[in-house]
Amino acid sequence: MNDLRNGALRLLAENPDGCTAARMVAHGFTLEVLIELIVAGLATTQTEQVGRASQPMGRTHFRITEAGRRALQ
């Protein structure tokens, strides 16, 4: 596993509620790396609606999977 993917998984493992896409990008992880983790089954996403009902926005959280945790061992 490359260093970027490993670093992203470590950050996710340290945050049981997951990390927003904005936080992951702020830590230097590209969306391409995050998509690779999802495709490989090492992370999942969940989008929640936030904001007012008249102007809802989606906030995406990335979470590590059990396979992702095993990959870190």
Protein backbone atom coordinates (compact mmCIF):
# COMPACT_ATOMS: atom_id res chain seq x y z
CA MET A 1 0.00 0.00 0.00
CA ASN A 2 1.39 3.42 -0.85
CA ASP A 3 2.08 6.10 1.76
CA LEU A 4 -0.89 8.31 0.81
CA ARG A 5 -3.40 5.47 1.09
CA ASN A 6 -1.80 4.34 4.35
CA GLY A 7 -1.92 7.87 5.76
CA ALA A 8 -5.56 8.29 4.79
CA LEU A 9 -6.47 4.99 6.43
CA ARG A 10 -4.61 5.96 9.61
CA LEU A 11 -6.51 9.25 9.81
CA LEU A 12 -9.81 7.42 9.33
CA ALA A 13 -8.85 4.81 11.95
CA GLU A 14 -8.17 7.59 14.49
CA ASN A 15 -11.65 9.07 13.96
CA PRO A 16 -14.41 6.57 14.76
CA ASP A 17 -17.11 8.89 13.40
CA GLY A 18 -15.18 9.26 10.17
CA CYS A 19 -13.87 12.38 8.47
CA THR A 20 -15.54 14.74 6.07
CA ALA A 21 -14.24 15.00 2.54
CA ALA A 22 -13.17 18.57 3.32
CA ARG A 23 -11.07 17.40 6.28
CA MET A 24 -9.43 14.65 4.26
CA VAL A 25 -8.54 17.09 1.48
CA ALA A 26 -7.25 19.59 4.09
CA HIS A 27 -4.89 16.86 5.30
CA GLY A 28 -3.52 16.52 1.77
CA PHE A 29 -5.45 13.52 0.50
CA THR A 30 -6.87 13.86 -2.99
CA LEU A 31 -10.30 12.67 -3.98
CA GLU A 32 -8.57 10.14 -6.25
CA VAL A 33 -6.91 8.52 -3.22
CA LEU A 34 -10.21 8.44 -1.36
CA ILE A 35 -11.98 6.86 -4.32
CA GLU A 36 -9.22 4.22 -4.51
CA LEU A 37 -9.89 3.33 -0.86
CA ILE A 38 -13.60 2.94 -1.55
CA VAL A 39 -13.11 0.84 -4.68
CA ALA A 40 -10.65 -1.39 -2.79
CA GLY A 41 -13.22 -1.85 0.01
CA LEU A 42 -10.97 -0.17 2.59
CA ALA A 43 -13.31 2.77 3.26
CA THR A 44 -16.96 3.67 2.86
CA THR A 45 -18.86 6.92 2.50
CA GLN A 46 -22.09 8.18 3.93
CA THR A 47 -23.70 11.45 2.90
CA GLU A 48 -25.97 13.31 5.27
CA GLN A 49 -28.18 16.26 4.53
CA VAL A 50 -27.36 19.39 6.51
CA GLY A 51 -28.64 22.94 6.42
CA ARG A 52 -32.10 24.36 6.04
CA ALA A 53 -34.87 22.40 4.40
CA SER A 54 -35.13 25.05 1.69
CA GLN A 55 -31.40 24.78 0.88
CA PRO A 56 -30.12 21.37 1.95
CA MET A 57 -26.49 20.47 1.39
CA GLY A 58 -24.82 17.10 1.49
CA ARG A 59 -21.88 16.42 3.78
CA THR A 60 -19.92 13.26 3.00
CA HIS A 61 -18.14 11.31 5.73
CA PHE A 62 -15.49 8.72 4.97
CA ARG A 63 -15.12 5.79 7.36
CA ILE A 64 -12.63 2.97 7.52
CA THR A 65 -13.89 -0.59 7.01
CA GLU A 66 -12.71 -3.74 8.79
CA ALA A 67 -10.70 -4.57 5.67
CA GLY A 68 -9.09 -1.14 5.97
CA ARG A 69 -8.17 -1.84 9.59
CA ARG A 70 -6.66 -5.18 8.64
CA ALA A 71 -4.63 -3.47 5.89
CA LEU A 72 -3.03 -1.25 8.54
CA GLN A 73 -1.80 -4.21 10.60
